[in-house]
């Protein structure tokens, strides 16, 4: 390790934790890489984006939902500091085009600040790699539920929502998954979510309509092609007001219950495999 990298890693280590990993027993894990809202102090004063705008693009409640799996990976930093679902070179939003047209910075952060963010990205993928290697070694196969949420009222709180045909309530991203190999897992997950009695109705669950899966799932499948399956689960923010941040706690709990049922189905599919 060079002196500069050592300095950068040491500096990052003095900041609050950037993610939390809870290791449990069994071949199922859940991740919420966009759950976090914190920004390390050296970057906070450089941000032009408001806290409300940051929160609107983050994925609140996804960290809570990871509780359906024994092993949990929960992001604690805002995606506006480092986006763990993008490749290293794109992990820091540098211009509005990187961030839905939003002006993120008052002025460009110093290069060493940006590198510290990228070092966090390196460390995260290193830890996840070791975790999945351990789980795969113990159980043969591992399934990771990659939990996200997405906006559907981008035009504003007083404007019509986005077209429901193109914005399912639950989008399962399996675009970079070897479906023939992992079909039993994907089918079990999809069927459980579609058939779940969600407060007296059925959820609109579809595959690869809005999202096909981001860098995190792509990296997992590239790194562990035979032993790991990562399904990106994108929940439309129908359970909350994406502009005020206020959530309907009844629906938040119902989503967790639906995911808990789906997790049990996935484990059963693995057991029968």
C-alpha atoms as a PDB file:
ATOM      1  CA  UNK A   1       0.000   0.000   0.000  1.00  0.00           C
ATOM      2  CA  UNK A   2       1.370   3.420  -0.898  1.00  0.00           C
ATOM      3  CA  UNK A   3       1.754   6.088   1.793  1.00  0.00           C
ATOM      4  CA  UNK A   4      -0.974   8.138   0.092  1.00  0.00           C
ATOM      5  CA  UNK A   5      -3.454   5.255   0.073  1.00  0.00           C
ATOM      6  CA  UNK A   6      -2.623   4.465   3.678  1.00  0.00           C
ATOM      7  CA  UNK A   7      -3.308   8.086   4.579  1.00  0.00           C
ATOM      8  CA  UNK A   8      -6.603   8.071   2.704  1.00  0.00           C
ATOM      9  CA  UNK A   9      -7.744   4.820   4.312  1.00  0.00           C
ATOM     10  CA  UNK A  10      -6.705   6.038   7.742  1.00  0.00           C
ATOM     11  CA  UNK A  11      -8.614   9.272   7.221  1.00  0.00           C
ATOM     12  CA  UNK A  12     -11.736   7.405   6.118  1.00  0.00           C
ATOM     13  CA  UNK A  13     -11.464   5.101   9.113  1.00  0.00           C
ATOM     14  CA  UNK A  14     -11.780   8.083  11.495  1.00  0.00           C
ATOM     15  CA  UNK A  15     -15.201   9.008  10.054  1.00  0.00           C
ATOM     16  CA  UNK A  16     -18.457   7.395  11.249  1.00  0.00           C
ATOM     17  CA  UNK A  17     -19.160   3.936   9.779  1.00  0.00           C
ATOM     18  CA  UNK A  18     -20.265   3.963   6.137  1.00  0.00           C
ATOM     19  CA  UNK A  19     -22.203   0.697   6.325  1.00  0.00           C
ATOM     20  CA  UNK A  20     -23.230  -1.989   8.760  1.00  0.00           C
ATOM     21  CA  UNK A  21     -22.874  -5.730   8.214  1.00  0.00           C
ATOM     22  CA  UNK A  22     -24.689  -8.189  10.445  1.00  0.00           C
ATOM     23  CA  UNK A  23     -23.688 -11.800   9.871  1.00  0.00           C
ATOM     24  CA  UNK A  24     -26.286 -14.473  10.456  1.00  0.00           C
ATOM     25  CA  UNK A  25     -26.705 -18.153   9.745  1.00  0.00           C
ATOM     26  CA  UNK A  26     -28.007 -19.472   6.434  1.00  0.00           C
ATOM     27  CA  UNK A  27     -27.603 -18.837   2.689  1.00  0.00           C
ATOM     28  CA  UNK A  28     -29.825 -15.727   2.505  1.00  0.00           C
ATOM     29  CA  UNK A  29     -28.679 -12.113   2.773  1.00  0.00           C
ATOM     30  CA  UNK A  30     -30.319  -8.751   2.167  1.00  0.00           C
ATOM     31  CA  UNK A  31     -28.712  -5.419   1.296  1.00  0.00           C
ATOM     32  CA  UNK A  32     -29.859  -1.802   1.344  1.00  0.00           C
ATOM     33  CA  UNK A  33     -26.953   0.118  -0.161  1.00  0.00           C
ATOM     34  CA  UNK A  34     -28.934   3.365  -0.643  1.00  0.00           C
ATOM     35  CA  UNK A  35     -30.498   3.407   2.818  1.00  0.00           C
ATOM     36  CA  UNK A  36     -27.995   5.908   4.241  1.00  0.00           C
ATOM     37  CA  UNK A  37     -28.418   9.652   4.657  1.00  0.00           C
ATOM     38  CA  UNK A  38     -25.237  10.751   6.459  1.00  0.00           C
ATOM     39  CA  UNK A  39     -22.437  12.673   4.741  1.00  0.00           C
ATOM     40  CA  UNK A  40     -18.968  12.935   6.249  1.00  0.00           C
ATOM     41  CA  UNK A  41     -18.223  16.400   7.649  1.00  0.00           C
ATOM     42  CA  UNK A  42     -15.536  17.420   5.159  1.00  0.00           C
ATOM     43  CA  UNK A  43     -18.074  17.130   2.319  1.00  0.00           C
ATOM     44  CA  UNK A  44     -21.178  18.504   4.031  1.00  0.00           C
ATOM     45  CA  UNK A  45     -20.270  22.189   3.575  1.00  0.00           C
ATOM     46  CA  UNK A  46     -19.584  21.668  -0.125  1.00  0.00           C
ATOM     47  CA  UNK A  47     -23.042  20.290  -0.884  1.00  0.00           C
ATOM     48  CA  UNK A  48     -25.390  22.477  -2.898  1.00  0.00           C
ATOM     49  CA  UNK A  49     -28.205  19.937  -2.796  1.00  0.00           C
ATOM     50  CA  UNK A  50     -30.673  20.340   0.059  1.00  0.00           C
ATOM     51  CA  UNK A  51     -31.229  17.678   2.683  1.00  0.00           C
ATOM     52  CA  UNK A  52     -34.785  17.217   1.412  1.00  0.00           C
ATOM     53  CA  UNK A  53     -33.621  16.647  -2.162  1.00  0.00           C
ATOM     54  CA  UNK A  54     -31.028  14.175  -0.923  1.00  0.00           C
ATOM     55  CA  UNK A  55     -33.613  12.254   1.067  1.00  0.00           C
ATOM     56  CA  UNK A  56     -35.974  12.105  -1.884  1.00  0.00           C
ATOM     57  CA  UNK A  57     -33.367  10.257  -3.973  1.00  0.00           C
ATOM     58  CA  UNK A  58     -32.292   7.946  -1.157  1.00  0.00           C
ATOM     59  CA  UNK A  59     -34.059   4.724  -0.159  1.00  0.00           C
ATOM     60  CA  UNK A  60     -35.498   5.115   3.347  1.00  0.00           C
ATOM     61  CA  UNK A  61     -36.937   2.014   5.038  1.00  0.00           C
ATOM     62  CA  UNK A  62     -34.906  -0.371   2.892  1.00  0.00           C
ATOM     63  CA  UNK A  63     -32.492  -0.886   5.775  1.00  0.00           C
ATOM     64  CA  UNK A  64     -35.404  -1.888   7.999  1.00  0.00           C
ATOM     65  CA  UNK A  65     -36.607  -4.370   5.398  1.00  0.00           C
ATOM     66  CA  UNK A  66     -33.238  -6.151   5.336  1.00  0.00           C
ATOM     67  CA  UNK A  67     -34.336  -7.656   8.653  1.00  0.00           C
ATOM     68  CA  UNK A  68     -36.106 -10.400   6.650  1.00  0.00           C
ATOM     69  CA  UNK A  69     -32.708 -12.075   6.107  1.00  0.00           C
ATOM     70  CA  UNK A  70     -30.279 -13.389   8.724  1.00  0.00           C
ATOM     71  CA  UNK A  71     -27.335 -11.611   7.074  1.00  0.00           C
ATOM     72  CA  UNK A  72     -27.783  -7.884   6.490  1.00  0.00           C
ATOM     73  CA  UNK A  73     -25.777  -5.210   4.650  1.00  0.00           C
ATOM     74  CA  UNK A  74     -27.035  -1.674   5.307  1.00  0.00           C
ATOM     75  CA  UNK A  75     -25.569   1.512   3.857  1.00  0.00           C
ATOM     76  CA  UNK A  76     -25.234   4.391   6.323  1.00  0.00           C
ATOM     77  CA  UNK A  77     -23.861   7.115   4.039  1.00  0.00           C
ATOM     78  CA  UNK A  78     -25.822   9.045   1.457  1.00  0.00           C
ATOM     79  CA  UNK A  79     -25.518   8.011  -2.165  1.00  0.00           C
ATOM     80  CA  UNK A  80     -24.533  11.656  -2.724  1.00  0.00           C
ATOM     81  CA  UNK A  81     -21.270  10.933  -0.907  1.00  0.00           C
ATOM     82  CA  UNK A  82     -20.615   7.593  -2.590  1.00  0.00           C
ATOM     83  CA  UNK A  83     -23.017   5.491  -4.640  1.00  0.00           C
ATOM     84  CA  UNK A  84     -22.306   1.841  -3.856  1.00  0.00           C
ATOM     85  CA  UNK A  85     -24.522   0.710  -6.729  1.00  0.00           C
ATOM     86  CA  UNK A  86     -22.292   2.273  -9.387  1.00  0.00           C
ATOM     87  CA  UNK A  87     -18.802   1.328 -10.537  1.00  0.00           C
ATOM     88  CA  UNK A  88     -15.867   2.972  -8.782  1.00  0.00           C
ATOM     89  CA  UNK A  89     -15.253   5.580 -11.478  1.00  0.00           C
ATOM     90  CA  UNK A  90     -18.923   6.649 -11.372  1.00  0.00           C
ATOM     91  CA  UNK A  91     -19.466   6.267  -7.639  1.00  0.00           C
ATOM     92  CA  UNK A  92     -19.249  10.031  -6.938  1.00  0.00           C
ATOM     93  CA  UNK A  93     -21.745  12.289  -8.700  1.00  0.00           C
ATOM     94  CA  UNK A  94     -19.690  15.070 -10.271  1.00  0.00           C
ATOM     95  CA  UNK A  95     -22.256  16.850 -12.459  1.00  0.00           C
ATOM     96  CA  UNK A  96     -26.052  17.158 -12.694  1.00  0.00           C
ATOM     97  CA  UNK A  97     -26.140  14.538 -15.440  1.00  0.00           C
ATOM     98  CA  UNK A  98     -24.915  12.006 -12.859  1.00  0.00           C
ATOM     99  CA  UNK A  99     -27.742  12.838 -10.431  1.00  0.00           C
ATOM    100  CA  UNK A 100     -31.106  13.267 -12.171  1.00  0.00           C
ATOM    101  CA  UNK A 101     -30.259  16.849 -13.136  1.00  0.00           C
ATOM    102  CA  UNK A 102     -29.587  17.938  -9.554  1.00  0.00           C
ATOM    103  CA  UNK A 103     -26.734  20.311  -8.727  1.00  0.00           C
ATOM    104  CA  UNK A 104     -24.867  18.359  -6.060  1.00  0.00           C
ATOM    105  CA  UNK A 105     -21.870  20.594  -5.286  1.00  0.00           C
ATOM    106  CA  UNK A 106     -21.340  24.314  -4.678  1.00  0.00           C
ATOM    107  CA  UNK A 107     -17.873  23.785  -6.102  1.00  0.00           C
ATOM    108  CA  UNK A 108     -15.920  20.723  -7.077  1.00  0.00           C
ATOM    109  CA  UNK A 109     -14.608  18.839  -4.021  1.00  0.00           C
ATOM    110  CA  UNK A 110     -10.800  18.534  -3.791  1.00  0.00           C
ATOM    111  CA  UNK A 111      -9.379  15.469  -5.491  1.00  0.00           C
ATOM    112  CA  UNK A 112      -8.324  13.938  -2.177  1.00  0.00           C
ATOM    113  CA  UNK A 113     -11.917  14.198  -0.871  1.00  0.00           C
ATOM    114  CA  UNK A 114     -13.190  12.373  -3.944  1.00  0.00           C
ATOM    115  CA  UNK A 115     -10.540   9.688  -3.561  1.00  0.00           C
ATOM    116  CA  UNK A 116     -11.601   9.110   0.042  1.00  0.00           C
ATOM    117  CA  UNK A 117     -15.100   8.402  -1.213  1.00  0.00           C
ATOM    118  CA  UNK A 118     -13.753   5.976  -3.790  1.00  0.00           C
ATOM    119  CA  UNK A 119     -11.664   4.257  -1.100  1.00  0.00           C
ATOM    120  CA  UNK A 120     -14.932   3.639   0.756  1.00  0.00           C
ATOM    121  CA  UNK A 121     -16.279   2.019  -2.403  1.00  0.00           C
ATOM    122  CA  UNK A 122     -13.200  -0.230  -2.555  1.00  0.00           C
ATOM    123  CA  UNK A 123     -13.534  -1.188   1.101  1.00  0.00           C
ATOM    124  CA  UNK A 124     -17.242  -1.948   0.765  1.00  0.00           C
ATOM    125  CA  UNK A 125     -16.747  -4.317  -2.147  1.00  0.00           C
ATOM    126  CA  UNK A 126     -13.829  -5.941  -0.374  1.00  0.00           C
ATOM    127  CA  UNK A 127     -15.967  -6.660   2.691  1.00  0.00           C
ATOM    128  CA  UNK A 128     -18.956  -7.879   0.674  1.00  0.00           C
ATOM    129  CA  UNK A 129     -16.651 -10.122  -1.348  1.00  0.00           C
ATOM    130  CA  UNK A 130     -15.271 -11.743   1.795  1.00  0.00           C
ATOM    131  CA  UNK A 131     -18.773 -12.126   3.216  1.00  0.00           C
ATOM    132  CA  UNK A 132     -20.180 -13.829   0.117  1.00  0.00           C
ATOM    133  CA  UNK A 133     -17.126 -16.045  -0.211  1.00  0.00           C
ATOM    134  CA  UNK A 134     -17.665 -17.203   3.361  1.00  0.00           C
ATOM    135  CA  UNK A 135     -21.410 -17.830   2.870  1.00  0.00           C
ATOM    136  CA  UNK A 136     -20.868 -19.656  -0.408  1.00  0.00           C
ATOM    137  CA  UNK A 137     -18.146 -21.780   1.186  1.00  0.00           C
ATOM    138  CA  UNK A 138     -20.474 -22.759   4.034  1.00  0.00           C
ATOM    139  CA  UNK A 139     -23.731 -23.256   2.135  1.00  0.00           C
ATOM    140  CA  UNK A 140     -22.736 -23.821  -1.496  1.00  0.00           C
ATOM    141  CA  UNK A 141     -25.112 -21.176  -2.826  1.00  0.00           C
ATOM    142  CA  UNK A 142     -26.112 -17.775  -1.514  1.00  0.00           C
ATOM    143  CA  UNK A 143     -29.012 -15.505  -2.477  1.00  0.00           C
ATOM    144  CA  UNK A 144     -28.891 -11.769  -1.842  1.00  0.00           C
ATOM    145  CA  UNK A 145     -31.989  -9.547  -1.943  1.00  0.00           C
ATOM    146  CA  UNK A 146     -30.784  -6.129  -3.139  1.00  0.00           C
ATOM    147  CA  UNK A 147     -33.461  -3.752  -1.772  1.00  0.00           C
ATOM    148  CA  UNK A 148     -34.182  -0.346  -3.295  1.00  0.00           C
ATOM    149  CA  UNK A 149     -37.055   2.115  -3.718  1.00  0.00           C
ATOM    150  CA  UNK A 150     -37.793   4.532  -6.544  1.00  0.00           C
ATOM    151  CA  UNK A 151     -39.693   7.743  -7.206  1.00  0.00           C
ATOM    152  CA  UNK A 152     -42.746   7.969  -9.426  1.00  0.00           C
ATOM    153  CA  UNK A 153     -43.848  11.571  -8.857  1.00  0.00           C
ATOM    154  CA  UNK A 154     -40.830  13.368 -10.252  1.00  0.00           C
ATOM    155  CA  UNK A 155     -42.992  16.071 -11.872  1.00  0.00           C
ATOM    156  CA  UNK A 156     -43.869  17.352  -8.401  1.00  0.00           C
ATOM    157  CA  UNK A 157     -46.242  16.655  -5.502  1.00  0.00           C
ATOM    158  CA  UNK A 158     -49.190  18.318  -7.242  1.00  0.00           C
ATOM    159  CA  UNK A 159     -48.696  16.672 -10.621  1.00  0.00           C
ATOM    160  CA  UNK A 160     -49.952  13.288 -11.840  1.00  0.00           C
ATOM    161  CA  UNK A 161     -47.811  10.261 -11.009  1.00  0.00           C
ATOM    162  CA  UNK A 162     -45.790   8.429 -13.641  1.00  0.00           C
ATOM    163  CA  UNK A 163     -47.623   5.945 -15.839  1.00  0.00           C
ATOM    164  CA  UNK A 164     -48.372   2.800 -13.844  1.00  0.00           C
ATOM    165  CA  UNK A 165     -47.823   0.581 -16.896  1.00  0.00           C
ATOM    166  CA  UNK A 166     -44.144   1.535 -16.922  1.00  0.00           C
ATOM    167  CA  UNK A 167     -43.741   1.767 -13.141  1.00  0.00           C
ATOM    168  CA  UNK A 168     -44.699  -1.443 -11.307  1.00  0.00           C
ATOM    169  CA  UNK A 169     -45.088  -1.371  -7.546  1.00  0.00           C
ATOM    170  CA  UNK A 170     -42.386  -4.034  -7.301  1.00  0.00           C
ATOM    171  CA  UNK A 171     -39.773  -4.296 -10.045  1.00  0.00           C
ATOM    172  CA  UNK A 172     -37.539  -7.358  -9.884  1.00  0.00           C
ATOM    173  CA  UNK A 173     -34.255  -6.670 -11.665  1.00  0.00           C
ATOM    174  CA  UNK A 174     -32.788  -9.875 -13.057  1.00  0.00           C
ATOM    175  CA  UNK A 175     -31.216  -8.502 -16.231  1.00  0.00           C
ATOM    176  CA  UNK A 176     -27.651  -9.493 -15.369  1.00  0.00           C
ATOM    177  CA  UNK A 177     -28.573 -12.846 -13.812  1.00  0.00           C
ATOM    178  CA  UNK A 178     -28.086 -16.258 -15.440  1.00  0.00           C
ATOM    179  CA  UNK A 179     -31.789 -17.094 -15.338  1.00  0.00           C
ATOM    180  CA  UNK A 180     -31.521 -20.714 -16.434  1.00  0.00           C
ATOM    181  CA  UNK A 181     -29.330 -21.469 -13.448  1.00  0.00           C
ATOM    182  CA  UNK A 182     -31.288 -19.473 -10.876  1.00  0.00           C
ATOM    183  CA  UNK A 183     -34.858 -19.886 -12.184  1.00  0.00           C
ATOM    184  CA  UNK A 184     -36.071 -21.754  -9.056  1.00  0.00           C
ATOM    185  CA  UNK A 185     -35.015 -18.817  -6.860  1.00  0.00           C
ATOM    186  CA  UNK A 186     -36.442 -16.107  -9.127  1.00  0.00           C
ATOM    187  CA  UNK A 187     -39.700 -18.005  -9.604  1.00  0.00           C
ATOM    188  CA  UNK A 188     -40.116 -18.557  -5.864  1.00  0.00           C
ATOM    189  CA  UNK A 189     -39.472 -14.896  -5.114  1.00  0.00           C
ATOM    190  CA  UNK A 190     -41.776 -13.623  -7.858  1.00  0.00           C
ATOM    191  CA  UNK A 191     -44.649 -15.949  -7.011  1.00  0.00           C
ATOM    192  CA  UNK A 192     -44.480 -15.169  -3.292  1.00  0.00           C
ATOM    193  CA  UNK A 193     -44.663 -11.415  -3.868  1.00  0.00           C
ATOM    194  CA  UNK A 194     -47.407 -11.672  -6.489  1.00  0.00           C
ATOM    195  CA  UNK A 195     -49.638 -13.926  -4.405  1.00  0.00           C
ATOM    196  CA  UNK A 196     -49.148 -12.164  -1.061  1.00  0.00           C
ATOM    197  CA  UNK A 197     -52.305 -10.677   0.448  1.00  0.00           C
ATOM    198  CA  UNK A 198     -51.129  -7.090   0.702  1.00  0.00           C
ATOM    199  CA  UNK A 199     -53.730  -5.344   2.858  1.00  0.00           C
ATOM    200  CA  UNK A 200     -56.531  -7.002   0.932  1.00  0.00           C
ATOM    201  CA  UNK A 201     -55.089  -6.770  -2.567  1.00  0.00           C
ATOM    202  CA  UNK A 202     -52.241  -8.064  -4.730  1.00  0.00           C
ATOM    203  CA  UNK A 203     -49.085  -6.123  -5.515  1.00  0.00           C
ATOM    204  CA  UNK A 204     -48.148  -5.284  -9.103  1.00  0.00           C
ATOM    205  CA  UNK A 205     -44.930  -7.318  -9.396  1.00  0.00           C
ATOM    206  CA  UNK A 206     -43.064  -7.439 -12.711  1.00  0.00           C
ATOM    207  CA  UNK A 207     -39.566  -8.230 -13.899  1.00  0.00           C
ATOM    208  CA  UNK A 208     -37.155  -5.847 -15.631  1.00  0.00           C
ATOM    209  CA  UNK A 209     -39.714  -3.161 -16.513  1.00  0.00           C
ATOM    210  CA  UNK A 210     -38.208  -0.101 -14.821  1.00  0.00           C
ATOM    211  CA  UNK A 211     -34.829  -1.488 -13.750  1.00  0.00           C
ATOM    212  CA  UNK A 212     -32.797  -4.538 -14.699  1.00  0.00           C
ATOM    213  CA  UNK A 213     -30.292  -4.421 -11.816  1.00  0.00           C
ATOM    214  CA  UNK A 214     -27.384  -2.100 -11.063  1.00  0.00           C
ATOM    215  CA  UNK A 215     -23.649  -2.436 -10.637  1.00  0.00           C
ATOM    216  CA  UNK A 216     -23.916  -4.169  -7.254  1.00  0.00           C
ATOM    217  CA  UNK A 217     -25.784  -7.178  -8.638  1.00  0.00           C
ATOM    218  CA  UNK A 218     -23.666  -7.147 -11.802  1.00  0.00           C
ATOM    219  CA  UNK A 219     -20.476  -7.290  -9.719  1.00  0.00           C
ATOM    220  CA  UNK A 220     -21.812 -10.122  -7.563  1.00  0.00           C
ATOM    221  CA  UNK A 221     -22.692 -12.241 -10.585  1.00  0.00           C
ATOM    222  CA  UNK A 222     -19.387 -11.503 -12.266  1.00  0.00           C
ATOM    223  CA  UNK A 223     -17.401 -12.304  -9.116  1.00  0.00           C
ATOM    224  CA  UNK A 224     -19.416 -15.342  -7.980  1.00  0.00           C
ATOM    225  CA  UNK A 225     -20.959 -16.680 -11.205  1.00  0.00           C
ATOM    226  CA  UNK A 226     -21.603 -20.195  -9.885  1.00  0.00           C
ATOM    227  CA  UNK A 227     -22.475 -19.558  -6.265  1.00  0.00           C
ATOM    228  CA  UNK A 228     -24.316 -16.241  -5.811  1.00  0.00           C
ATOM    229  CA  UNK A 229     -27.664 -14.924  -7.007  1.00  0.00           C
ATOM    230  CA  UNK A 230     -28.539 -11.261  -6.458  1.00  0.00           C
ATOM    231  CA  UNK A 231     -32.030  -9.993  -7.310  1.00  0.00           C
ATOM    232  CA  UNK A 232     -32.559  -6.225  -7.281  1.00  0.00           C
ATOM    233  CA  UNK A 233     -35.947  -5.507  -5.689  1.00  0.00           C
ATOM    234  CA  UNK A 234     -37.124  -1.972  -6.488  1.00  0.00           C
ATOM    235  CA  UNK A 235     -40.222  -0.830  -4.625  1.00  0.00           C
ATOM    236  CA  UNK A 236     -42.086   2.145  -6.010  1.00  0.00           C
ATOM    237  CA  UNK A 237     -42.578   4.709  -3.245  1.00  0.00           C
ATOM    238  CA  UNK A 238     -46.329   4.109  -3.140  1.00  0.00           C
ATOM    239  CA  UNK A 239     -45.894   3.513   0.610  1.00  0.00           C
ATOM    240  CA  UNK A 240     -44.803   7.097   1.262  1.00  0.00           C
ATOM    241  CA  UNK A 241     -44.986  10.684   0.062  1.00  0.00           C
ATOM    242  CA  UNK A 242     -41.689  10.993  -1.757  1.00  0.00           C
ATOM    243  CA  UNK A 243     -41.780  14.812  -1.512  1.00  0.00           C
ATOM    244  CA  UNK A 244     -42.496  15.200   2.207  1.00  0.00           C
ATOM    245  CA  UNK A 245     -40.792  11.967   3.272  1.00  0.00           C
ATOM    246  CA  UNK A 246     -43.837  10.942   5.314  1.00  0.00           C
ATOM    247  CA  UNK A 247     -44.528   7.209   5.188  1.00  0.00           C
ATOM    248  CA  UNK A 248     -47.644   5.124   5.710  1.00  0.00           C
ATOM    249  CA  UNK A 249     -46.340   2.855   8.465  1.00  0.00           C
ATOM    250  CA  UNK A 250     -49.070   0.302   7.828  1.00  0.00           C
ATOM    251  CA  UNK A 251     -47.795  -0.205   4.299  1.00  0.00           C
ATOM    252  CA  UNK A 252     -44.152  -0.150   5.424  1.00  0.00           C
ATOM    253  CA  UNK A 253     -44.911  -3.055   7.759  1.00  0.00           C
ATOM    254  CA  UNK A 254     -46.946  -4.869   5.094  1.00  0.00           C
ATOM    255  CA  UNK A 255     -44.005  -4.629   2.673  1.00  0.00           C
ATOM    256  CA  UNK A 256     -41.725  -6.144   5.292  1.00  0.00           C
ATOM    257  CA  UNK A 257     -44.209  -8.964   5.853  1.00  0.00           C
ATOM    258  CA  UNK A 258     -44.419  -9.614   2.092  1.00  0.00           C
ATOM    259  CA  UNK A 259     -40.646  -9.712   1.853  1.00  0.00           C
ATOM    260  CA  UNK A 260     -40.488 -12.044   4.859  1.00  0.00           C
ATOM    261  CA  UNK A 261     -42.811 -14.470   3.094  1.00  0.00           C
ATOM    262  CA  UNK A 262     -40.776 -14.178  -0.099  1.00  0.00           C
ATOM    263  CA  UNK A 263     -37.546 -14.818   1.829  1.00  0.00           C
ATOM    264  CA  UNK A 264     -39.038 -18.021   3.271  1.00  0.00           C
ATOM    265  CA  UNK A 265     -40.006 -19.156  -0.240  1.00  0.00           C
ATOM    266  CA  UNK A 266     -36.481 -18.503  -1.508  1.00  0.00           C
ATOM    267  CA  UNK A 267     -34.982 -20.553   1.320  1.00  0.00           C
ATOM    268  CA  UNK A 268     -37.387 -23.390   0.548  1.00  0.00           C
ATOM    269  CA  UNK A 269     -36.393 -23.257  -3.140  1.00  0.00           C
ATOM    270  CA  UNK A 270     -32.731 -23.496  -2.124  1.00  0.00           C
ATOM    271  CA  UNK A 271     -33.459 -26.406   0.197  1.00  0.00           C
ATOM    272  CA  UNK A 272     -35.206 -28.349  -2.570  1.00  0.00           C
ATOM    273  CA  UNK A 273     -32.539 -27.598  -5.184  1.00  0.00           C
END
